[in-house]
């Protein structure tokens, strides 16, 4: 099984604007449709250096496909 992830780097000042999954760039919105359909695809955003490790841990940590993040 292949796994795909998309990480969008946003400016800290934009974090409140793009805080919800519905908001984002056109690429984010396009991938959001894929994310809803395919369990082997995940998306996340990084706004600060402190976000990097938790996001990568979430994306690449061991978890069953059926328990995909909410």
PDB file of N, CA and C in Angstrom:
ATOM      1  N   UNK A   1       0.837  -1.182   0.000  1.00  0.00           N
ATOM      2  CA  UNK A   1       0.000   0.000   0.000  1.00  0.00           C
ATOM      3  C   UNK A   1       0.882   1.245   0.000  1.00  0.00           C
ATOM      4  N   UNK A   2       0.612   2.162  -0.869  1.00  0.00           N
ATOM      5  CA  UNK A   2       1.348   3.417  -0.902  1.00  0.00           C
ATOM      6  C   UNK A   2       0.667   4.436  -0.002  1.00  0.00           C
ATOM      7  N   UNK A   3       1.458   5.372   0.479  1.00  0.00           N
ATOM      8  CA  UNK A   3       0.974   6.417   1.368  1.00  0.00           C
ATOM      9  C   UNK A   3       1.393   7.756   0.779  1.00  0.00           C
ATOM     10  N   UNK A   4       0.482   8.716   0.801  1.00  0.00           N
ATOM     11  CA  UNK A   4       0.753  10.038   0.258  1.00  0.00           C
ATOM     12  C   UNK A   4       0.413  11.087   1.304  1.00  0.00           C
ATOM     13  N   UNK A   5       1.236  12.123   1.371  1.00  0.00           N
ATOM     14  CA  UNK A   5       0.990  13.208   2.318  1.00  0.00           C
ATOM     15  C   UNK A   5       1.288  14.535   1.633  1.00  0.00           C
ATOM     16  N   UNK A   6       0.509  15.539   2.004  1.00  0.00           N
ATOM     17  CA  UNK A   6       0.735  16.894   1.516  1.00  0.00           C
ATOM     18  C   UNK A   6       0.857  17.793   2.732  1.00  0.00           C
ATOM     19  N   UNK A   7       1.969  18.513   2.820  1.00  0.00           N
ATOM     20  CA  UNK A   7       2.190  19.449   3.915  1.00  0.00           C
ATOM     21  C   UNK A   7       2.282  20.839   3.309  1.00  0.00           C
ATOM     22  N   UNK A   8       1.415  21.714   3.781  1.00  0.00           N
ATOM     23  CA  UNK A   8       1.399  23.092   3.293  1.00  0.00           C
ATOM     24  C   UNK A   8       2.074  23.971   4.339  1.00  0.00           C
ATOM     25  N   UNK A   9       3.060  24.740   3.910  1.00  0.00           N
ATOM     26  CA  UNK A   9       3.762  25.666   4.790  1.00  0.00           C
ATOM     27  C   UNK A   9       3.075  27.023   4.653  1.00  0.00           C
ATOM     28  N   UNK A  10       2.572  27.522   5.773  1.00  0.00           N
ATOM     29  CA  UNK A  10       1.898  28.823   5.748  1.00  0.00           C
ATOM     30  C   UNK A  10       2.617  29.782   6.685  1.00  0.00           C
ATOM     31  N   UNK A  11       2.446  31.043   6.441  1.00  0.00           N
ATOM     32  CA  UNK A  11       3.011  32.086   7.286  1.00  0.00           C
ATOM     33  C   UNK A  11       2.275  32.103   8.620  1.00  0.00           C
ATOM     34  N   UNK A  12       3.010  32.350   9.687  1.00  0.00           N
ATOM     35  CA  UNK A  12       2.382  32.402  11.014  1.00  0.00           C
ATOM     36  C   UNK A  12       1.213  33.380  11.047  1.00  0.00           C
ATOM     37  N   UNK A  13       1.344  34.478  10.322  1.00  0.00           N
ATOM     38  CA  UNK A  13       0.285  35.489  10.318  1.00  0.00           C
ATOM     39  C   UNK A  13      -0.968  35.006   9.607  1.00  0.00           C
ATOM     40  N   UNK A  14      -0.841  33.976   8.776  1.00  0.00           N
ATOM     41  CA  UNK A  14      -1.992  33.432   8.055  1.00  0.00           C
ATOM     42  C   UNK A  14      -2.632  32.250   8.776  1.00  0.00           C
ATOM     43  N   UNK A  15      -2.048  31.819   9.871  1.00  0.00           N
ATOM     44  CA  UNK A  15      -2.534  30.623  10.568  1.00  0.00           C
ATOM     45  C   UNK A  15      -3.992  30.766  10.994  1.00  0.00           C
ATOM     46  N   UNK A  16      -4.399  31.943  11.423  1.00  0.00           N
ATOM     47  CA  UNK A  16      -5.797  32.116  11.840  1.00  0.00           C
ATOM     48  C   UNK A  16      -6.751  32.111  10.638  1.00  0.00           C
ATOM     49  N   UNK A  17      -6.273  32.564   9.485  1.00  0.00           N
ATOM     50  CA  UNK A  17      -7.107  32.564   8.278  1.00  0.00           C
ATOM     51  C   UNK A  17      -7.296  31.148   7.753  1.00  0.00           C
ATOM     52  N   UNK A  18      -6.201  30.397   7.728  1.00  0.00           N
ATOM     53  CA  UNK A  18      -6.238  29.041   7.184  1.00  0.00           C
ATOM     54  C   UNK A  18      -6.371  27.991   8.280  1.00  0.00           C
ATOM     55  N   UNK A  19      -6.902  28.375   9.414  1.00  0.00           N
ATOM     56  CA  UNK A  19      -7.024  27.460  10.543  1.00  0.00           C
ATOM     57  C   UNK A  19      -7.971  26.303  10.308  1.00  0.00           C
ATOM     58  N   UNK A  20      -9.013  26.517   9.544  1.00  0.00           N
ATOM     59  CA  UNK A  20      -9.956  25.424   9.284  1.00  0.00           C
ATOM     60  C   UNK A  20      -9.571  24.722   7.989  1.00  0.00           C
ATOM     61  N   UNK A  21      -9.998  23.482   7.862  1.00  0.00           N
ATOM     62  CA  UNK A  21      -9.625  22.708   6.683  1.00  0.00           C
ATOM     63  C   UNK A  21     -10.331  23.187   5.423  1.00  0.00           C
ATOM     64  N   UNK A  22     -11.421  23.932   5.550  1.00  0.00           N
ATOM     65  CA  UNK A  22     -12.137  24.417   4.371  1.00  0.00           C
ATOM     66  C   UNK A  22     -11.396  25.571   3.709  1.00  0.00           C
ATOM     67  N   UNK A  23     -10.660  26.338   4.500  1.00  0.00           N
ATOM     68  CA  UNK A  23      -9.931  27.483   3.971  1.00  0.00           C
ATOM     69  C   UNK A  23      -8.565  27.035   3.476  1.00  0.00           C
ATOM     70  N   UNK A  24      -8.070  27.714   2.466  1.00  0.00           N
ATOM     71  CA  UNK A  24      -6.729  27.409   2.006  1.00  0.00           C
ATOM     72  C   UNK A  24      -6.514  27.777   0.557  1.00  0.00           C
ATOM     73  N   UNK A  25      -5.337  27.454   0.105  1.00  0.00           N
ATOM     74  CA  UNK A  25      -4.982  27.723  -1.281  1.00  0.00           C
ATOM     75  C   UNK A  25      -5.800  26.817  -2.200  1.00  0.00           C
ATOM     76  N   UNK A  26      -5.751  27.105  -3.480  1.00  0.00           N
ATOM     77  CA  UNK A  26      -6.497  26.265  -4.425  1.00  0.00           C
ATOM     78  C   UNK A  26      -5.965  24.833  -4.418  1.00  0.00           C
ATOM     79  N   UNK A  27      -4.670  24.660  -4.235  1.00  0.00           N
ATOM     80  CA  UNK A  27      -4.108  23.313  -4.162  1.00  0.00           C
ATOM     81  C   UNK A  27      -4.604  22.592  -2.910  1.00  0.00           C
ATOM     82  N   UNK A  28      -4.660  23.294  -1.774  1.00  0.00           N
ATOM     83  CA  UNK A  28      -5.178  22.708  -0.531  1.00  0.00           C
ATOM     84  C   UNK A  28      -6.625  22.249  -0.718  1.00  0.00           C
ATOM     85  N   UNK A  29      -7.444  23.097  -1.326  1.00  0.00           N
ATOM     86  CA  UNK A  29      -8.853  22.738  -1.534  1.00  0.00           C
ATOM     87  C   UNK A  29      -8.993  21.550  -2.482  1.00  0.00           C
ATOM     88  N   UNK A  30      -8.153  21.486  -3.506  1.00  0.00           N
ATOM     89  CA  UNK A  30      -8.201  20.348  -4.433  1.00  0.00           C
ATOM     90  C   UNK A  30      -7.793  19.061  -3.726  1.00  0.00           C
ATOM     91  N   UNK A  31      -6.736  19.126  -2.945  1.00  0.00           N
ATOM     92  CA  UNK A  31      -6.299  17.943  -2.202  1.00  0.00           C
ATOM     93  C   UNK A  31      -7.292  17.562  -1.111  1.00  0.00           C
ATOM     94  N   UNK A  32      -8.040  18.509  -0.603  1.00  0.00           N
ATOM     95  CA  UNK A  32      -9.033  18.211   0.432  1.00  0.00           C
ATOM     96  C   UNK A  32     -10.078  17.225  -0.092  1.00  0.00           C
ATOM     97  N   UNK A  33     -10.447  17.358  -1.350  1.00  0.00           N
ATOM     98  CA  UNK A  33     -11.399  16.410  -1.946  1.00  0.00           C
ATOM     99  C   UNK A  33     -10.797  15.008  -2.013  1.00  0.00           C
ATOM    100  N   UNK A  34      -9.512  14.924  -2.318  1.00  0.00           N
ATOM    101  CA  UNK A  34      -8.828  13.628  -2.356  1.00  0.00           C
ATOM    102  C   UNK A  34      -8.711  13.055  -0.951  1.00  0.00           C
ATOM    103  N   UNK A  35      -8.385  13.915  -0.002  1.00  0.00           N
ATOM    104  CA  UNK A  35      -8.225  13.491   1.391  1.00  0.00           C
ATOM    105  C   UNK A  35      -9.494  12.847   1.931  1.00  0.00           C
ATOM    106  N   UNK A  36     -10.641  13.374   1.546  1.00  0.00           N
ATOM    107  CA  UNK A  36     -11.914  12.837   2.016  1.00  0.00           C
ATOM    108  C   UNK A  36     -12.201  11.455   1.435  1.00  0.00           C
ATOM    109  N   UNK A  37     -11.651  11.176   0.260  1.00  0.00           N
ATOM    110  CA  UNK A  37     -11.976   9.939  -0.451  1.00  0.00           C
ATOM    111  C   UNK A  37     -10.979   8.803  -0.207  1.00  0.00           C
ATOM    112  N   UNK A  38      -9.716   9.116  -0.031  1.00  0.00           N
ATOM    113  CA  UNK A  38      -8.674   8.095   0.025  1.00  0.00           C
ATOM    114  C   UNK A  38      -8.034   8.016   1.411  1.00  0.00           C
ATOM    115  N   UNK A  39      -8.111   6.873   2.083  1.00  0.00           N
ATOM    116  CA  UNK A  39      -7.547   6.734   3.427  1.00  0.00           C
ATOM    117  C   UNK A  39      -6.020   6.734   3.457  1.00  0.00           C
ATOM    118  N   UNK A  40      -5.362   6.535   2.317  1.00  0.00           N
ATOM    119  CA  UNK A  40      -3.902   6.531   2.301  1.00  0.00           C
ATOM    120  C   UNK A  40      -3.320   7.903   1.920  1.00  0.00           C
ATOM    121  N   UNK A  41      -4.131   8.942   2.034  1.00  0.00           N
ATOM    122  CA  UNK A  41      -3.692  10.313   1.765  1.00  0.00           C
ATOM    123  C   UNK A  41      -4.019  11.167   2.980  1.00  0.00           C
ATOM    124  N   UNK A  42      -3.036  11.940   3.442  1.00  0.00           N
ATOM    125  CA  UNK A  42      -3.268  12.841   4.567  1.00  0.00           C
ATOM    126  C   UNK A  42      -2.678  14.207   4.258  1.00  0.00           C
ATOM    127  N   UNK A  43      -3.238  15.209   4.916  1.00  0.00           N
ATOM    128  CA  UNK A  43      -2.807  16.591   4.720  1.00  0.00           C
ATOM    129  C   UNK A  43      -2.595  17.246   6.070  1.00  0.00           C
ATOM    130  N   UNK A  44      -1.691  18.205   6.081  1.00  0.00           N
ATOM    131  CA  UNK A  44      -1.478  18.970   7.299  1.00  0.00           C
ATOM    132  C   UNK A  44      -0.819  20.295   6.932  1.00  0.00           C
ATOM    133  N   UNK A  45      -0.820  21.206   7.903  1.00  0.00           N
ATOM    134  CA  UNK A  45      -0.206  22.521   7.701  1.00  0.00           C
ATOM    135  C   UNK A  45       0.844  22.772   8.769  1.00  0.00           C
ATOM    136  N   UNK A  46       1.863  23.524   8.376  1.00  0.00           N
ATOM    137  CA  UNK A  46       2.912  23.946   9.293  1.00  0.00           C
ATOM    138  C   UNK A  46       2.978  25.462   9.219  1.00  0.00           C
ATOM    139  N   UNK A  47       2.856  26.112  10.387  1.00  0.00           N
ATOM    140  CA  UNK A  47       2.911  27.573  10.430  1.00  0.00           C
ATOM    141  C   UNK A  47       4.123  28.082  11.207  1.00  0.00           C
ATOM    142  N   UNK A  48       4.625  27.275  12.122  1.00  0.00           N
ATOM    143  CA  UNK A  48       5.772  27.683  12.934  1.00  0.00           C
ATOM    144  C   UNK A  48       6.780  26.541  12.982  1.00  0.00           C
ATOM    145  N   UNK A  49       8.025  26.843  13.295  1.00  0.00           N
ATOM    146  CA  UNK A  49       9.003  25.761  13.437  1.00  0.00           C
ATOM    147  C   UNK A  49       8.583  24.712  14.478  1.00  0.00           C
ATOM    148  N   UNK A  50       7.859  25.136  15.487  1.00  0.00           N
ATOM    149  CA  UNK A  50       7.401  24.199  16.520  1.00  0.00           C
ATOM    150  C   UNK A  50       6.368  23.209  15.988  1.00  0.00           C
ATOM    151  N   UNK A  51       5.759  23.497  14.847  1.00  0.00           N
ATOM    152  CA  UNK A  51       4.758  22.599  14.253  1.00  0.00           C
ATOM    153  C   UNK A  51       5.386  21.430  13.496  1.00  0.00           C
ATOM    154  N   UNK A  52       6.643  21.555  13.120  1.00  0.00           N
ATOM    155  CA  UNK A  52       7.257  20.580  12.215  1.00  0.00           C
ATOM    156  C   UNK A  52       7.252  19.171  12.798  1.00  0.00           C
ATOM    157  N   UNK A  53       7.832  18.993  13.965  1.00  0.00           N
ATOM    158  CA  UNK A  53       7.934  17.646  14.531  1.00  0.00           C
ATOM    159  C   UNK A  53       6.565  17.023  14.793  1.00  0.00           C
ATOM    160  N   UNK A  54       5.628  17.727  15.445  1.00  0.00           N
ATOM    161  CA  UNK A  54       4.311  17.113  15.670  1.00  0.00           C
ATOM    162  C   UNK A  54       3.592  16.723  14.375  1.00  0.00           C
ATOM    163  N   UNK A  55       3.704  17.545  13.348  1.00  0.00           N
ATOM    164  CA  UNK A  55       3.039  17.232  12.080  1.00  0.00           C
ATOM    165  C   UNK A  55       3.658  15.988  11.445  1.00  0.00           C
ATOM    166  N   UNK A  56       4.977  15.918  11.401  1.00  0.00           N
ATOM    167  CA  UNK A  56       5.613  14.749  10.804  1.00  0.00           C
ATOM    168  C   UNK A  56       5.390  13.500  11.646  1.00  0.00           C
ATOM    169  N   UNK A  57       5.321  13.657  12.944  1.00  0.00           N
ATOM    170  CA  UNK A  57       5.020  12.513  13.806  1.00  0.00           C
ATOM    171  C   UNK A  57       3.599  12.010  13.530  1.00  0.00           C
ATOM    172  N   UNK A  58       2.670  12.933  13.355  1.00  0.00           N
ATOM    173  CA  UNK A  58       1.285  12.560  13.034  1.00  0.00           C
ATOM    174  C   UNK A  58       1.216  11.865  11.680  1.00  0.00           C
ATOM    175  N   UNK A  59       1.885  12.414  10.691  1.00  0.00           N
ATOM    176  CA  UNK A  59       1.803  11.874   9.340  1.00  0.00           C
ATOM    177  C   UNK A  59       2.503  10.526   9.184  1.00  0.00           C
ATOM    178  N   UNK A  60       3.606  10.343   9.884  1.00  0.00           N
ATOM    179  CA  UNK A  60       4.409   9.144   9.669  1.00  0.00           C
ATOM    180  C   UNK A  60       4.452   8.203  10.865  1.00  0.00           C
ATOM    181  N   UNK A  61       3.661   8.492  11.890  1.00  0.00           N
ATOM    182  CA  UNK A  61       3.571   7.585  13.024  1.00  0.00           C
ATOM    183  C   UNK A  61       2.758   6.357  12.655  1.00  0.00           C
ATOM    184  N   UNK A  62       2.943   5.301  13.409  1.00  0.00           N
ATOM    185  CA  UNK A  62       2.181   4.077  13.141  1.00  0.00           C
ATOM    186  C   UNK A  62       0.735   4.266  13.548  1.00  0.00           C
ATOM    187  N   UNK A  63      -0.144   3.978  12.619  1.00  0.00           N
ATOM    188  CA  UNK A  63      -1.572   4.024  12.899  1.00  0.00           C
ATOM    189  C   UNK A  63      -2.301   3.214  11.837  1.00  0.00           C
ATOM    190  N   UNK A  64      -3.326   2.499  12.251  1.00  0.00           N
ATOM    191  CA  UNK A  64      -4.109   1.753  11.258  1.00  0.00           C
ATOM    192  C   UNK A  64      -4.785   2.713  10.285  1.00  0.00           C
ATOM    193  N   UNK A  65      -4.922   2.308   9.055  1.00  0.00           N
ATOM    194  CA  UNK A  65      -5.546   3.143   8.029  1.00  0.00           C
ATOM    195  C   UNK A  65      -6.962   3.509   8.430  1.00  0.00           C
ATOM    196  N   UNK A  66      -7.674   2.589   9.072  1.00  0.00           N
ATOM    197  CA  UNK A  66      -9.065   2.848   9.438  1.00  0.00           C
ATOM    198  C   UNK A  66      -9.197   3.911  10.520  1.00  0.00           C
ATOM    199  N   UNK A  67      -8.108   4.219  11.228  1.00  0.00           N
ATOM    200  CA  UNK A  67      -8.156   5.225  12.287  1.00  0.00           C
ATOM    201  C   UNK A  67      -7.542   6.534  11.832  1.00  0.00           C
ATOM    202  N   UNK A  68      -7.730   6.870  10.586  1.00  0.00           N
ATOM    203  CA  UNK A  68      -7.215   8.115  10.032  1.00  0.00           C
ATOM    204  C   UNK A  68      -7.670   9.284  10.880  1.00  0.00           C
ATOM    205  N   UNK A  69      -6.790  10.266  11.047  1.00  0.00           N
ATOM    206  CA  UNK A  69      -7.082  11.418  11.902  1.00  0.00           C
ATOM    207  C   UNK A  69      -8.376  12.099  11.494  1.00  0.00           C
ATOM    208  N   UNK A  70      -8.997  12.728  12.466  1.00  0.00           N
ATOM    209  CA  UNK A  70     -10.283  13.396  12.235  1.00  0.00           C
ATOM    210  C   UNK A  70     -10.076  14.749  11.615  1.00  0.00           C
TER     211      UNK A  70
END
